[in-house]
N, C-alpha and C. Protein backbone atom coordinates (compact mmCIF):
# COMPACT_ATOMS: atom_id res chain seq x y z
N MET A 1 -10.80 5.50 1.19
CA MET A 1 -10.67 4.73 2.40
C MET A 1 -9.23 4.76 2.88
N PRO A 2 -9.01 5.16 4.08
CA PRO A 2 -7.64 5.19 4.60
C PRO A 2 -7.19 3.82 5.09
N ILE A 3 -5.89 3.61 5.08
CA ILE A 3 -5.29 2.40 5.63
C ILE A 3 -4.86 2.72 7.05
N TYR A 4 -5.26 1.88 7.98
CA TYR A 4 -4.87 2.05 9.37
C TYR A 4 -4.09 0.84 9.85
N ASP A 5 -3.15 1.08 10.76
CA ASP A 5 -2.43 0.01 11.43
C ASP A 5 -3.12 -0.25 12.76
N TYR A 6 -3.33 -1.52 13.05
CA TYR A 6 -3.96 -1.93 14.30
C TYR A 6 -3.12 -3.01 14.98
N LYS A 7 -3.35 -3.15 16.28
CA LYS A 7 -2.79 -4.26 17.04
C LYS A 7 -3.94 -4.82 17.87
N CYS A 8 -4.17 -6.11 17.72
CA CYS A 8 -5.25 -6.76 18.45
C CYS A 8 -4.87 -6.87 19.92
N THR A 9 -5.75 -6.45 20.81
CA THR A 9 -5.45 -6.53 22.24
C THR A 9 -5.66 -7.95 22.77
N THR A 10 -6.34 -8.79 22.02
CA THR A 10 -6.58 -10.17 22.44
C THR A 10 -5.38 -11.06 22.15
N CYS A 11 -4.89 -11.02 20.90
CA CYS A 11 -3.81 -11.93 20.49
C CYS A 11 -2.50 -11.21 20.15
N SER A 12 -2.46 -9.89 20.26
CA SER A 12 -1.28 -9.05 19.97
C SER A 12 -0.82 -9.12 18.53
N HIS A 13 -1.71 -9.47 17.61
CA HIS A 13 -1.37 -9.55 16.18
C HIS A 13 -1.41 -8.16 15.55
N PRO A 14 -0.29 -7.67 14.97
CA PRO A 14 -0.32 -6.38 14.27
C PRO A 14 -0.78 -6.59 12.82
N PHE A 15 -1.59 -5.65 12.31
CA PHE A 15 -2.05 -5.74 10.92
C PHE A 15 -2.48 -4.36 10.45
N GLU A 16 -2.62 -4.23 9.14
CA GLU A 16 -3.15 -2.99 8.57
C GLU A 16 -4.34 -3.35 7.70
N VAL A 17 -5.28 -2.42 7.61
CA VAL A 17 -6.52 -2.69 6.89
C VAL A 17 -7.11 -1.39 6.35
N LEU A 18 -7.76 -1.48 5.19
CA LEU A 18 -8.52 -0.36 4.64
C LEU A 18 -9.83 -0.29 5.42
N VAL A 19 -10.17 0.89 5.93
CA VAL A 19 -11.34 1.01 6.79
C VAL A 19 -12.25 2.13 6.31
N ARG A 20 -13.52 1.81 6.16
CA ARG A 20 -14.53 2.84 5.92
C ARG A 20 -14.96 3.41 7.26
N SER A 21 -15.51 4.60 7.23
CA SER A 21 -15.87 5.25 8.49
C SER A 21 -16.97 4.51 9.25
N ASP A 22 -17.82 3.76 8.56
CA ASP A 22 -18.91 3.05 9.23
C ASP A 22 -18.59 1.58 9.52
N THR A 23 -17.32 1.16 9.34
CA THR A 23 -16.93 -0.23 9.51
C THR A 23 -16.09 -0.40 10.76
N ILE A 24 -16.36 -1.46 11.50
CA ILE A 24 -15.52 -1.83 12.63
C ILE A 24 -14.66 -3.00 12.18
N PRO A 25 -13.33 -2.80 12.10
CA PRO A 25 -12.48 -3.88 11.62
C PRO A 25 -12.36 -5.00 12.65
N ALA A 26 -11.99 -6.18 12.15
CA ALA A 26 -11.76 -7.33 13.02
C ALA A 26 -10.37 -7.87 12.76
N CYS A 27 -9.78 -8.46 13.76
CA CYS A 27 -8.44 -9.04 13.65
C CYS A 27 -8.48 -10.23 12.68
N PRO A 28 -7.59 -10.26 11.68
CA PRO A 28 -7.58 -11.39 10.74
C PRO A 28 -7.07 -12.68 11.39
N ASN A 29 -6.40 -12.55 12.53
CA ASN A 29 -5.84 -13.72 13.20
C ASN A 29 -6.87 -14.42 14.10
N CYS A 30 -7.56 -13.64 14.95
CA CYS A 30 -8.49 -14.25 15.91
C CYS A 30 -9.93 -13.80 15.73
N GLY A 31 -10.16 -12.76 14.92
CA GLY A 31 -11.51 -12.27 14.70
C GLY A 31 -12.00 -11.29 15.75
N GLY A 32 -11.14 -10.94 16.70
CA GLY A 32 -11.52 -10.02 17.76
C GLY A 32 -11.68 -8.60 17.26
N THR A 33 -12.51 -7.82 17.94
CA THR A 33 -12.72 -6.42 17.56
C THR A 33 -12.16 -5.45 18.60
N ALA A 34 -11.50 -5.97 19.62
CA ALA A 34 -10.83 -5.11 20.60
C ALA A 34 -9.45 -4.77 20.04
N LEU A 35 -9.37 -3.64 19.35
CA LEU A 35 -8.16 -3.27 18.63
C LEU A 35 -7.59 -1.96 19.14
N GLU A 36 -6.29 -1.83 19.03
CA GLU A 36 -5.59 -0.60 19.36
C GLU A 36 -5.07 0.00 18.06
N LYS A 37 -5.47 1.23 17.77
CA LYS A 37 -4.99 1.89 16.54
C LYS A 37 -3.57 2.35 16.78
N CYS A 38 -2.67 2.02 15.85
CA CYS A 38 -1.24 2.33 15.99
C CYS A 38 -0.84 3.42 15.00
N VAL A 39 0.26 4.06 15.27
CA VAL A 39 0.81 5.06 14.37
C VAL A 39 1.60 4.34 13.28
N SER A 40 1.30 4.66 12.03
CA SER A 40 2.01 4.02 10.92
C SER A 40 3.40 4.60 10.78
N PRO A 41 4.40 3.76 10.50
CA PRO A 41 5.75 4.29 10.29
C PRO A 41 5.83 5.01 8.94
N LEU A 42 6.61 6.06 8.89
CA LEU A 42 6.79 6.80 7.65
C LEU A 42 7.89 6.16 6.82
N ALA A 43 7.71 6.17 5.51
CA ALA A 43 8.73 5.65 4.62
C ALA A 43 9.83 6.69 4.48
N PRO A 44 11.09 6.27 4.44
CA PRO A 44 12.19 7.22 4.25
C PRO A 44 12.05 7.91 2.89
N ALA A 45 12.19 9.22 2.87
CA ALA A 45 11.94 10.01 1.67
C ALA A 45 12.80 9.59 0.49
N GLY A 46 14.04 9.27 0.68
CA GLY A 46 14.92 8.93 -0.43
C GLY A 46 14.61 7.60 -1.08
N LYS A 47 13.94 6.72 -0.39
CA LYS A 47 13.69 5.39 -0.92
C LYS A 47 12.33 5.26 -1.59
N ILE A 48 11.44 6.21 -1.41
CA ILE A 48 10.10 6.10 -1.96
C ILE A 48 10.15 6.01 -3.49
N GLU A 49 10.90 6.86 -4.13
CA GLU A 49 10.99 6.85 -5.60
C GLU A 49 11.57 5.54 -6.10
N ALA A 50 12.61 5.02 -5.45
CA ALA A 50 13.22 3.76 -5.88
C ALA A 50 12.23 2.60 -5.71
N ILE A 51 11.48 2.60 -4.63
CA ILE A 51 10.49 1.55 -4.41
C ILE A 51 9.39 1.63 -5.46
N ARG A 52 8.92 2.85 -5.73
CA ARG A 52 7.86 3.04 -6.72
C ARG A 52 8.32 2.59 -8.10
N MET A 53 9.53 2.93 -8.46
CA MET A 53 10.05 2.54 -9.77
C MET A 53 10.25 1.02 -9.86
N ALA A 54 10.68 0.40 -8.78
CA ALA A 54 10.83 -1.05 -8.78
C ALA A 54 9.47 -1.72 -9.00
N HIS A 55 8.44 -1.20 -8.37
CA HIS A 55 7.10 -1.76 -8.55
C HIS A 55 6.60 -1.55 -9.97
N ARG A 56 6.91 -0.41 -10.55
CA ARG A 56 6.49 -0.17 -11.94
C ARG A 56 7.22 -1.09 -12.90
N ARG A 57 8.52 -1.36 -12.66
CA ARG A 57 9.24 -2.29 -13.54
C ARG A 57 8.65 -3.69 -13.46
N VAL A 58 8.28 -4.12 -12.27
CA VAL A 58 7.64 -5.43 -12.11
C VAL A 58 6.29 -5.45 -12.84
N ALA A 59 5.51 -4.37 -12.67
CA ALA A 59 4.22 -4.29 -13.34
C ALA A 59 4.38 -4.32 -14.86
N ALA A 60 5.38 -3.63 -15.37
CA ALA A 60 5.63 -3.63 -16.81
C ALA A 60 6.02 -5.01 -17.30
N ALA A 61 6.86 -5.70 -16.53
CA ALA A 61 7.28 -7.06 -16.92
C ALA A 61 6.11 -8.03 -16.92
N GLN A 62 5.13 -7.79 -16.05
CA GLN A 62 3.96 -8.66 -15.97
C GLN A 62 2.86 -8.22 -16.93
N GLY A 63 3.07 -7.14 -17.68
CA GLY A 63 2.10 -6.68 -18.66
C GLY A 63 1.02 -5.77 -18.12
N HIS A 64 1.18 -5.26 -16.91
CA HIS A 64 0.14 -4.42 -16.32
C HIS A 64 0.14 -2.99 -16.86
N LEU A 65 1.16 -2.59 -17.59
CA LEU A 65 1.20 -1.24 -18.16
C LEU A 65 0.85 -1.25 -19.65
N ASP A 66 0.25 -2.32 -20.14
CA ASP A 66 -0.03 -2.46 -21.57
C ASP A 66 -1.08 -1.48 -22.08
N HIS A 67 -1.90 -0.90 -21.21
CA HIS A 67 -2.93 0.03 -21.66
C HIS A 67 -2.36 1.44 -21.90
N TYR A 68 -1.09 1.66 -21.61
CA TYR A 68 -0.45 2.94 -21.88
C TYR A 68 0.17 2.93 -23.28
N SER A 69 0.26 4.12 -23.87
CA SER A 69 0.96 4.23 -25.15
C SER A 69 2.44 4.00 -24.91
N PRO A 70 3.21 3.64 -25.95
CA PRO A 70 4.65 3.41 -25.76
C PRO A 70 5.37 4.62 -25.16
N SER A 71 4.97 5.85 -25.55
CA SER A 71 5.64 7.02 -25.00
C SER A 71 5.28 7.23 -23.52
N ASP A 72 4.00 7.00 -23.17
CA ASP A 72 3.61 7.11 -21.76
C ASP A 72 4.27 6.03 -20.92
N LYS A 73 4.38 4.82 -21.47
CA LYS A 73 5.03 3.73 -20.74
C LYS A 73 6.49 4.07 -20.49
N ALA A 74 7.17 4.66 -21.47
CA ALA A 74 8.57 5.05 -21.30
C ALA A 74 8.70 6.12 -20.22
N LYS A 75 7.76 7.08 -20.19
CA LYS A 75 7.79 8.11 -19.14
C LYS A 75 7.61 7.49 -17.76
N LEU A 76 6.68 6.54 -17.64
CA LEU A 76 6.45 5.89 -16.35
C LEU A 76 7.68 5.15 -15.88
N LEU A 77 8.34 4.46 -16.78
CA LEU A 77 9.48 3.65 -16.40
C LEU A 77 10.76 4.46 -16.22
N GLN A 78 10.74 5.74 -16.64
CA GLN A 78 11.88 6.62 -16.42
C GLN A 78 11.69 7.46 -15.16
N GLY A 79 10.53 7.37 -14.55
CA GLY A 79 10.28 8.10 -13.32
C GLY A 79 9.73 9.48 -13.53
N LYS A 80 9.31 9.82 -14.73
CA LYS A 80 8.72 11.15 -14.96
C LYS A 80 7.31 11.17 -14.38
N LYS A 81 6.95 12.27 -13.76
CA LYS A 81 5.67 12.34 -13.08
C LYS A 81 4.54 12.83 -13.98
N ASN A 82 4.83 13.40 -15.13
CA ASN A 82 3.79 13.91 -16.01
C ASN A 82 3.47 12.87 -17.07
N ILE A 83 2.19 12.52 -17.16
CA ILE A 83 1.76 11.55 -18.19
C ILE A 83 0.92 12.29 -19.19
């Protein structure tokens, strides 16, 4: 399911939502279905890795990486792409 950015034409509320091909999304603010599909902004290439690693450190601190072996967990937290 792709994530799309929308702007409600009724209340001008911008939002993003996961959409299946057979689903018509509704505005979470007013419930309207008159939506304008917007172009999603691209993330700057140099910051993607830093953002991803920050999220992994938070996940590790919260225990979400506990199902990995210690060596795989170390690889994830060092930014290596091969597990």
